[in-house]
All heavy atoms as atom14 arrays in JSON, in Angstrom:
{
  "sequence": "SQPFNASDCGDRKFCVRNPTHCDPKANNCFFLSFKQD",
  "atom14_mask": [
    [1, 1, 1, 1, 1, 1, 0, 0, 0, 0, 0, 0, 0, 0],
    [1, 1, 1, 1, 1, 1, 1, 1, 1, 0, 0, 0, 0, 0],
    [1, 1, 1, 1, 1, 1, 1, 0, 0, 0, 0, 0, 0, 0],
    [1, 1, 1, 1, 1, 1, 1, 1, 1, 1, 1, 0, 0, 0],
    [1, 1, 1, 1, 1, 1, 1, 1, 0, 0, 0, 0, 0, 0],
    [1, 1, 1, 1, 1, 0, 0, 0, 0, 0, 0, 0, 0, 0],
    [1, 1, 1, 1, 1, 1, 0, 0, 0, 0, 0, 0, 0, 0],
    [1, 1, 1, 1, 1, 1, 1, 1, 0, 0, 0, 0, 0, 0],
    [1, 1, 1, 1, 1, 1, 0, 0, 0, 0, 0, 0, 0, 0],
    [1, 1, 1, 1, 0, 0, 0, 0, 0, 0, 0, 0, 0, 0],
    [1, 1, 1, 1, 1, 1, 1, 1, 0, 0, 0, 0, 0, 0],
    [1, 1, 1, 1, 1, 1, 1, 1, 1, 1, 1, 0, 0, 0],
    [1, 1, 1, 1, 1, 1, 1, 1, 1, 0, 0, 0, 0, 0],
    [1, 1, 1, 1, 1, 1, 1, 1, 1, 1, 1, 0, 0, 0],
    [1, 1, 1, 1, 1, 1, 0, 0, 0, 0, 0, 0, 0, 0],
    [1, 1, 1, 1, 1, 1, 1, 0, 0, 0, 0, 0, 0, 0],
    [1, 1, 1, 1, 1, 1, 1, 1, 1, 1, 1, 0, 0, 0],
    [1, 1, 1, 1, 1, 1, 1, 1, 0, 0, 0, 0, 0, 0],
    [1, 1, 1, 1, 1, 1, 1, 0, 0, 0, 0, 0, 0, 0],
    [1, 1, 1, 1, 1, 1, 1, 0, 0, 0, 0, 0, 0, 0],
    [1, 1, 1, 1, 1, 1, 1, 1, 1, 1, 0, 0, 0, 0],
    [1, 1, 1, 1, 1, 1, 0, 0, 0, 0, 0, 0, 0, 0],
    [1, 1, 1, 1, 1, 1, 1, 1, 0, 0, 0, 0, 0, 0],
    [1, 1, 1, 1, 1, 1, 1, 0, 0, 0, 0, 0, 0, 0],
    [1, 1, 1, 1, 1, 1, 1, 1, 1, 0, 0, 0, 0, 0],
    [1, 1, 1, 1, 1, 0, 0, 0, 0, 0, 0, 0, 0, 0],
    [1, 1, 1, 1, 1, 1, 1, 1, 0, 0, 0, 0, 0, 0],
    [1, 1, 1, 1, 1, 1, 1, 1, 0, 0, 0, 0, 0, 0],
    [1, 1, 1, 1, 1, 1, 0, 0, 0, 0, 0, 0, 0, 0],
    [1, 1, 1, 1, 1, 1, 1, 1, 1, 1, 1, 0, 0, 0],
    [1, 1, 1, 1, 1, 1, 1, 1, 1, 1, 1, 0, 0, 0],
    [1, 1, 1, 1, 1, 1, 1, 1, 0, 0, 0, 0, 0, 0],
    [1, 1, 1, 1, 1, 1, 0, 0, 0, 0, 0, 0, 0, 0],
    [1, 1, 1, 1, 1, 1, 1, 1, 1, 1, 1, 0, 0, 0],
    [1, 1, 1, 1, 1, 1, 1, 1, 1, 0, 0, 0, 0, 0],
    [1, 1, 1, 1, 1, 1, 1, 1, 1, 0, 0, 0, 0, 0],
    [1, 1, 1, 1, 1, 1, 1, 1, 0, 0, 0, 0, 0, 0]
  ],
  "atom14_positions": [
    [[-21.02, 68.55, 76.96], [-20.9, 68.04, 75.6], [-22.15, 67.33, 75.11], [-22.29, 67.07, 73.92], [-19.71, 67.07, 75.51], [-19.89, 65.98, 76.41], [0.0, 0.0, 0.0], [0.0, 0.0, 0.0], [0.0, 0.0, 0.0], [0.0, 0.0, 0.0], [0.0, 0.0, 0.0], [0.0, 0.0, 0.0], [0.0, 0.0, 0.0], [0.0, 0.0, 0.0]],
    [[-23.07, 66.99, 76.02], [-24.26, 66.26, 75.62], [-25.4, 66.56, 76.58], [-25.18, 67.11, 77.67], [-23.99, 64.76, 75.6], [-23.52, 64.19, 76.93], [-23.14, 62.73, 76.82], [-23.23, 62.12, 75.76], [-22.7, 62.14, 77.92], [0.0, 0.0, 0.0], [0.0, 0.0, 0.0], [0.0, 0.0, 0.0], [0.0, 0.0, 0.0], [0.0, 0.0, 0.0]],
    [[-26.64, 66.26, 76.2], [-27.79, 66.54, 77.07], [-27.71, 65.77, 78.38], [-26.96, 64.81, 78.52], [-28.99, 66.09, 76.23], [-28.49, 66.07, 74.83], [-27.05, 65.71, 74.9], [0.0, 0.0, 0.0], [0.0, 0.0, 0.0], [0.0, 0.0, 0.0], [0.0, 0.0, 0.0], [0.0, 0.0, 0.0], [0.0, 0.0, 0.0], [0.0, 0.0, 0.0]],
    [[-28.51, 66.2, 79.33], [-28.55, 65.53, 80.64], [-29.21, 64.16, 80.52], [-29.98, 63.88, 79.59], [-29.31, 66.39, 81.65], [-28.66, 67.72, 81.9], [-29.4, 68.89, 81.87], [-27.31, 67.8, 82.18], [-28.82, 70.12, 82.1], [-26.7, 69.03, 82.41], [-27.45, 70.19, 82.37], [0.0, 0.0, 0.0], [0.0, 0.0, 0.0], [0.0, 0.0, 0.0]],
    [[-28.96, 63.33, 81.5], [-29.48, 61.96, 81.54], [-30.53, 61.86, 82.63], [-30.29, 62.25, 83.78], [-28.32, 60.98, 81.81], [-28.74, 59.54, 81.61], [-29.92, 59.22, 81.57], [-27.76, 58.66, 81.47], [0.0, 0.0, 0.0], [0.0, 0.0, 0.0], [0.0, 0.0, 0.0], [0.0, 0.0, 0.0], [0.0, 0.0, 0.0], [0.0, 0.0, 0.0]],
    [[-31.71, 61.33, 82.29], [-32.79, 61.2, 83.26], [-32.93, 59.79, 83.8], [-33.86, 59.51, 84.55], [-34.12, 61.64, 82.61], [0.0, 0.0, 0.0], [0.0, 0.0, 0.0], [0.0, 0.0, 0.0], [0.0, 0.0, 0.0], [0.0, 0.0, 0.0], [0.0, 0.0, 0.0], [0.0, 0.0, 0.0], [0.0, 0.0, 0.0], [0.0, 0.0, 0.0]],
    [[-32.02, 58.91, 83.44], [-32.16, 57.5, 83.86], [-32.03, 57.33, 85.37], [-32.53, 56.36, 85.93], [-31.12, 56.63, 83.14], [-29.81, 57.05, 83.47], [0.0, 0.0, 0.0], [0.0, 0.0, 0.0], [0.0, 0.0, 0.0], [0.0, 0.0, 0.0], [0.0, 0.0, 0.0], [0.0, 0.0, 0.0], [0.0, 0.0, 0.0], [0.0, 0.0, 0.0]],
    [[-31.36, 58.27, 86.06], [-31.17, 58.16, 87.5], [-32.28, 58.85, 88.3], [-32.22, 58.87, 89.53], [-29.82, 58.77, 87.9], [-28.66, 57.94, 87.4], [-28.86, 56.75, 87.11], [-27.55, 58.5, 87.29], [0.0, 0.0, 0.0], [0.0, 0.0, 0.0], [0.0, 0.0, 0.0], [0.0, 0.0, 0.0], [0.0, 0.0, 0.0], [0.0, 0.0, 0.0]],
    [[-33.26, 59.42, 87.6], [-34.33, 60.14, 88.3], [-35.11, 59.19, 89.21], [-35.52, 58.1, 88.79], [-35.28, 60.79, 87.29], [-34.57, 62.22, 86.46], [0.0, 0.0, 0.0], [0.0, 0.0, 0.0], [0.0, 0.0, 0.0], [0.0, 0.0, 0.0], [0.0, 0.0, 0.0], [0.0, 0.0, 0.0], [0.0, 0.0, 0.0], [0.0, 0.0, 0.0]],
    [[-35.3, 59.62, 90.45], [-36.01, 58.8, 91.42], [-35.14, 57.76, 92.08], [-35.57, 57.11, 93.04], [0.0, 0.0, 0.0], [0.0, 0.0, 0.0], [0.0, 0.0, 0.0], [0.0, 0.0, 0.0], [0.0, 0.0, 0.0], [0.0, 0.0, 0.0], [0.0, 0.0, 0.0], [0.0, 0.0, 0.0], [0.0, 0.0, 0.0], [0.0, 0.0, 0.0]],
    [[-33.91, 57.59, 91.57], [-32.98, 56.61, 92.13], [-31.79, 57.31, 92.77], [-31.5, 57.14, 93.96], [-32.53, 55.66, 91.03], [-31.6, 54.57, 91.53], [-31.59, 54.32, 92.76], [-30.89, 53.96, 90.72], [0.0, 0.0, 0.0], [0.0, 0.0, 0.0], [0.0, 0.0, 0.0], [0.0, 0.0, 0.0], [0.0, 0.0, 0.0], [0.0, 0.0, 0.0]],
    [[-31.1, 58.14, 91.98], [-29.97, 58.9, 92.5], [-30.19, 60.41, 92.44], [-29.4, 61.17, 92.99], [-28.7, 58.56, 91.7], [-28.3, 57.09, 91.8], [-27.04, 56.83, 90.98], [-26.65, 55.42, 91.03], [-25.6, 54.92, 90.4], [-24.84, 55.72, 89.66], [-25.31, 53.63, 90.48], [0.0, 0.0, 0.0], [0.0, 0.0, 0.0], [0.0, 0.0, 0.0]],
    [[-31.23, 60.81, 91.73], [-31.54, 62.24, 91.58], [-32.98, 62.5, 91.98], [-33.85, 61.64, 91.81], [-31.36, 62.69, 90.12], [-29.97, 62.58, 89.54], [-30.03, 63.01, 88.07], [-28.69, 62.91, 87.39], [-28.78, 63.27, 85.96], [0.0, 0.0, 0.0], [0.0, 0.0, 0.0], [0.0, 0.0, 0.0], [0.0, 0.0, 0.0], [0.0, 0.0, 0.0]],
    [[-33.22, 63.71, 92.46], [-34.58, 64.22, 92.62], [-34.87, 65.03, 91.36], [-34.17, 66.0, 91.06], [-34.68, 65.11, 93.86], [-36.09, 65.58, 94.16], [-36.83, 64.97, 95.15], [-36.66, 66.62, 93.44], [-38.13, 65.41, 95.43], [-37.94, 67.04, 93.7], [-38.68, 66.43, 94.7], [0.0, 0.0, 0.0], [0.0, 0.0, 0.0], [0.0, 0.0, 0.0]],
    [[-35.91, 64.64, 90.61], [-36.17, 65.26, 89.31], [-37.56, 65.86, 89.23], [-38.52, 65.32, 89.81], [-36.01, 64.25, 88.17], [-34.34, 63.58, 88.0], [0.0, 0.0, 0.0], [0.0, 0.0, 0.0], [0.0, 0.0, 0.0], [0.0, 0.0, 0.0], [0.0, 0.0, 0.0], [0.0, 0.0, 0.0], [0.0, 0.0, 0.0], [0.0, 0.0, 0.0]],
    [[-37.64, 66.95, 88.5], [-38.92, 67.57, 88.13], [-38.92, 67.66, 86.6], [-38.0, 68.23, 86.01], [-39.08, 68.97, 88.74], [-40.44, 69.55, 88.36], [-38.91, 68.93, 90.24], [0.0, 0.0, 0.0], [0.0, 0.0, 0.0], [0.0, 0.0, 0.0], [0.0, 0.0, 0.0], [0.0, 0.0, 0.0], [0.0, 0.0, 0.0], [0.0, 0.0, 0.0]],
    [[-39.96, 67.09, 85.98], [-40.02, 67.08, 84.52], [-41.39, 67.52, 84.02], [-42.41, 67.26, 84.66], [-39.71, 65.68, 83.99], [-38.29, 65.24, 84.21], [-37.96, 64.0, 83.39], [-38.11, 62.76, 84.14], [-37.88, 61.56, 83.62], [-37.51, 61.44, 82.37], [-38.03, 60.47, 84.35], [0.0, 0.0, 0.0], [0.0, 0.0, 0.0], [0.0, 0.0, 0.0]],
    [[-41.38, 68.17, 82.88], [-42.61, 68.58, 82.22], [-42.41, 68.52, 80.7], [-41.55, 69.23, 80.18], [-43.0, 70.0, 82.64], [-44.26, 70.49, 81.93], [-44.21, 71.47, 81.21], [-45.37, 69.82, 82.13], [0.0, 0.0, 0.0], [0.0, 0.0, 0.0], [0.0, 0.0, 0.0], [0.0, 0.0, 0.0], [0.0, 0.0, 0.0], [0.0, 0.0, 0.0]],
    [[-43.14, 67.65, 79.98], [-44.15, 66.71, 80.45], [-43.55, 65.64, 81.37], [-42.35, 65.4, 81.34], [-44.69, 66.08, 79.16], [-44.31, 67.03, 78.07], [-43.02, 67.64, 78.51], [0.0, 0.0, 0.0], [0.0, 0.0, 0.0], [0.0, 0.0, 0.0], [0.0, 0.0, 0.0], [0.0, 0.0, 0.0], [0.0, 0.0, 0.0], [0.0, 0.0, 0.0]],
    [[-44.41, 65.02, 82.15], [-43.96, 64.01, 83.1], [-43.21, 62.89, 82.38], [-43.64, 62.41, 81.33], [-45.18, 63.42, 83.84], [-45.92, 64.5, 84.42], [-44.72, 62.49, 84.96], [0.0, 0.0, 0.0], [0.0, 0.0, 0.0], [0.0, 0.0, 0.0], [0.0, 0.0, 0.0], [0.0, 0.0, 0.0], [0.0, 0.0, 0.0], [0.0, 0.0, 0.0]],
    [[-42.07, 62.51, 82.93], [-41.24, 61.41, 82.41], [-40.68, 61.69, 81.01], [-40.33, 60.76, 80.29], [-42.01, 60.09, 82.41], [-42.57, 59.72, 83.74], [-41.8, 59.64, 84.88], [-43.83, 59.39, 84.13], [-42.56, 59.3, 85.91], [-43.79, 59.14, 85.48], [0.0, 0.0, 0.0], [0.0, 0.0, 0.0], [0.0, 0.0, 0.0], [0.0, 0.0, 0.0]],
    [[-40.61, 62.97, 80.61], [-40.05, 63.27, 79.29], [-38.53, 63.11, 79.33], [-37.9, 63.06, 80.38], [-40.43, 64.68, 78.86], [-39.68, 65.98, 79.87], [0.0, 0.0, 0.0], [0.0, 0.0, 0.0], [0.0, 0.0, 0.0], [0.0, 0.0, 0.0], [0.0, 0.0, 0.0], [0.0, 0.0, 0.0], [0.0, 0.0, 0.0], [0.0, 0.0, 0.0]],
    [[-37.95, 63.03, 78.15], [-36.51, 62.85, 78.0], [-35.85, 64.22, 77.81], [-36.21, 64.95, 76.88], [-36.22, 61.96, 76.79], [-34.74, 61.6, 76.65], [-33.91, 62.23, 77.33], [-34.44, 60.7, 75.85], [0.0, 0.0, 0.0], [0.0, 0.0, 0.0], [0.0, 0.0, 0.0], [0.0, 0.0, 0.0], [0.0, 0.0, 0.0], [0.0, 0.0, 0.0]],
    [[-34.9, 64.62, 78.65], [-34.27, 65.95, 78.5], [-33.52, 66.11, 77.19], [-33.11, 67.22, 76.85], [-33.33, 66.03, 79.71], [-33.12, 64.62, 80.15], [-34.39, 63.9, 79.82], [0.0, 0.0, 0.0], [0.0, 0.0, 0.0], [0.0, 0.0, 0.0], [0.0, 0.0, 0.0], [0.0, 0.0, 0.0], [0.0, 0.0, 0.0], [0.0, 0.0, 0.0]],
    [[-33.34, 65.04, 76.45], [-32.74, 65.16, 75.12], [-33.74, 65.69, 74.11], [-33.35, 66.15, 73.03], [-32.23, 63.79, 74.65], [-31.13, 63.19, 75.53], [-30.72, 61.82, 75.03], [-29.67, 61.19, 75.95], [-29.29, 59.83, 75.49], [0.0, 0.0, 0.0], [0.0, 0.0, 0.0], [0.0, 0.0, 0.0], [0.0, 0.0, 0.0], [0.0, 0.0, 0.0]],
    [[-35.03, 65.6, 74.42], [-36.07, 66.06, 73.51], [-36.21, 67.57, 73.63], [-35.99, 68.16, 74.69], [-37.4, 65.38, 73.81], [0.0, 0.0, 0.0], [0.0, 0.0, 0.0], [0.0, 0.0, 0.0], [0.0, 0.0, 0.0], [0.0, 0.0, 0.0], [0.0, 0.0, 0.0], [0.0, 0.0, 0.0], [0.0, 0.0, 0.0], [0.0, 0.0, 0.0]],
    [[-36.63, 68.22, 72.53], [-36.7, 69.67, 72.55], [-38.05, 70.2, 73.03], [-38.38, 71.35, 72.8], [-36.38, 70.25, 71.16], [-37.28, 69.7, 70.08], [-38.37, 69.2, 70.38], [-36.85, 69.78, 68.84], [0.0, 0.0, 0.0], [0.0, 0.0, 0.0], [0.0, 0.0, 0.0], [0.0, 0.0, 0.0], [0.0, 0.0, 0.0], [0.0, 0.0, 0.0]],
    [[-38.85, 69.34, 73.68], [-40.08, 69.82, 74.3], [-40.08, 69.55, 75.8], [-41.11, 69.65, 76.45], [-41.3, 69.15, 73.67], [-41.37, 67.67, 73.98], [-40.34, 67.04, 74.21], [-42.57, 67.12, 73.99], [0.0, 0.0, 0.0], [0.0, 0.0, 0.0], [0.0, 0.0, 0.0], [0.0, 0.0, 0.0], [0.0, 0.0, 0.0], [0.0, 0.0, 0.0]],
    [[-38.92, 69.2, 76.35], [-38.85, 68.73, 77.74], [-38.2, 69.77, 78.64], [-37.09, 70.24, 78.37], [-38.06, 67.42, 77.8], [-37.97, 66.7, 79.45], [0.0, 0.0, 0.0], [0.0, 0.0, 0.0], [0.0, 0.0, 0.0], [0.0, 0.0, 0.0], [0.0, 0.0, 0.0], [0.0, 0.0, 0.0], [0.0, 0.0, 0.0], [0.0, 0.0, 0.0]],
    [[-38.89, 70.14, 79.71], [-38.32, 70.96, 80.76], [-37.88, 70.03, 81.89], [-38.68, 69.24, 82.4], [-39.33, 71.99, 81.27], [-39.63, 73.06, 80.26], [-40.68, 72.92, 79.38], [-38.85, 74.21, 80.19], [-40.96, 73.9, 78.44], [-39.11, 75.19, 79.25], [-40.16, 75.04, 78.38], [0.0, 0.0, 0.0], [0.0, 0.0, 0.0], [0.0, 0.0, 0.0]],
    [[-36.61, 70.15, 82.26], [-35.99, 69.16, 83.15], [-35.22, 69.89, 84.24], [-34.51, 70.87, 83.99], [-35.04, 68.28, 82.32], [-34.24, 67.3, 83.14], [-34.79, 66.11, 83.57], [-32.91, 67.58, 83.46], [-34.05, 65.21, 84.31], [-32.16, 66.68, 84.2], [-32.73, 65.5, 84.62], [0.0, 0.0, 0.0], [0.0, 0.0, 0.0], [0.0, 0.0, 0.0]],
    [[-35.38, 69.4, 85.47], [-34.65, 69.95, 86.62], [-34.3, 68.79, 87.53], [-35.16, 67.97, 87.86], [-35.53, 70.96, 87.36], [-34.98, 71.57, 88.64], [-33.75, 72.42, 88.36], [-36.04, 72.41, 89.35], [0.0, 0.0, 0.0], [0.0, 0.0, 0.0], [0.0, 0.0, 0.0], [0.0, 0.0, 0.0], [0.0, 0.0, 0.0], [0.0, 0.0, 0.0]],
    [[-33.03, 68.71, 87.94], [-32.62, 67.61, 88.81], [-31.7, 68.13, 89.92], [-30.97, 69.12, 89.74], [-31.92, 66.51, 88.01], [-30.63, 66.92, 87.6], [0.0, 0.0, 0.0], [0.0, 0.0, 0.0], [0.0, 0.0, 0.0], [0.0, 0.0, 0.0], [0.0, 0.0, 0.0], [0.0, 0.0, 0.0], [0.0, 0.0, 0.0], [0.0, 0.0, 0.0]],
    [[-31.75, 67.43, 91.06], [-30.91, 67.73, 92.22], [-30.24, 66.43, 92.67], [-30.93, 65.42, 92.86], [-31.74, 68.3, 93.37], [-32.54, 69.52, 93.02], [-33.83, 69.4, 92.49], [-32.02, 70.79, 93.22], [-34.57, 70.52, 92.18], [-32.75, 71.92, 92.9], [-34.03, 71.78, 92.38], [0.0, 0.0, 0.0], [0.0, 0.0, 0.0], [0.0, 0.0, 0.0]],
    [[-28.93, 66.47, 92.86], [-28.19, 65.3, 93.31], [-27.22, 65.71, 94.41], [-26.34, 66.55, 94.19], [-27.43, 64.66, 92.14], [-26.7, 63.38, 92.52], [-26.01, 62.78, 91.3], [-25.27, 61.5, 91.66], [-24.59, 60.91, 90.47], [0.0, 0.0, 0.0], [0.0, 0.0, 0.0], [0.0, 0.0, 0.0], [0.0, 0.0, 0.0], [0.0, 0.0, 0.0]],
    [[-27.39, 65.13, 95.6], [-26.54, 65.5, 96.73], [-25.13, 64.93, 96.56], [-24.94, 63.79, 96.14], [-27.14, 65.0, 98.05], [-26.38, 65.46, 99.27], [-27.07, 65.09, 100.58], [-28.14, 64.45, 100.56], [-26.48, 65.46, 101.71], [0.0, 0.0, 0.0], [0.0, 0.0, 0.0], [0.0, 0.0, 0.0], [0.0, 0.0, 0.0], [0.0, 0.0, 0.0]],
    [[-24.16, 65.75, 96.91], [-22.74, 65.36, 96.87], [-22.08, 65.92, 98.13], [-21.61, 67.06, 98.14], [-22.09, 65.9, 95.6], [-20.64, 65.45, 95.47], [-20.25, 64.48, 96.16], [-19.9, 66.07, 94.68], [0.0, 0.0, 0.0], [0.0, 0.0, 0.0], [0.0, 0.0, 0.0], [0.0, 0.0, 0.0], [0.0, 0.0, 0.0], [0.0, 0.0, 0.0]]
  ]
}
């Protein structure tokens, strides 16, 4: 229902972003995250 959240990157998620530290809510951001469960 809504864009992904990057606030947990480096804390609870392993993230890859381009541009670096961009917000996945923005339409210029490529975002990839991995979270173990």
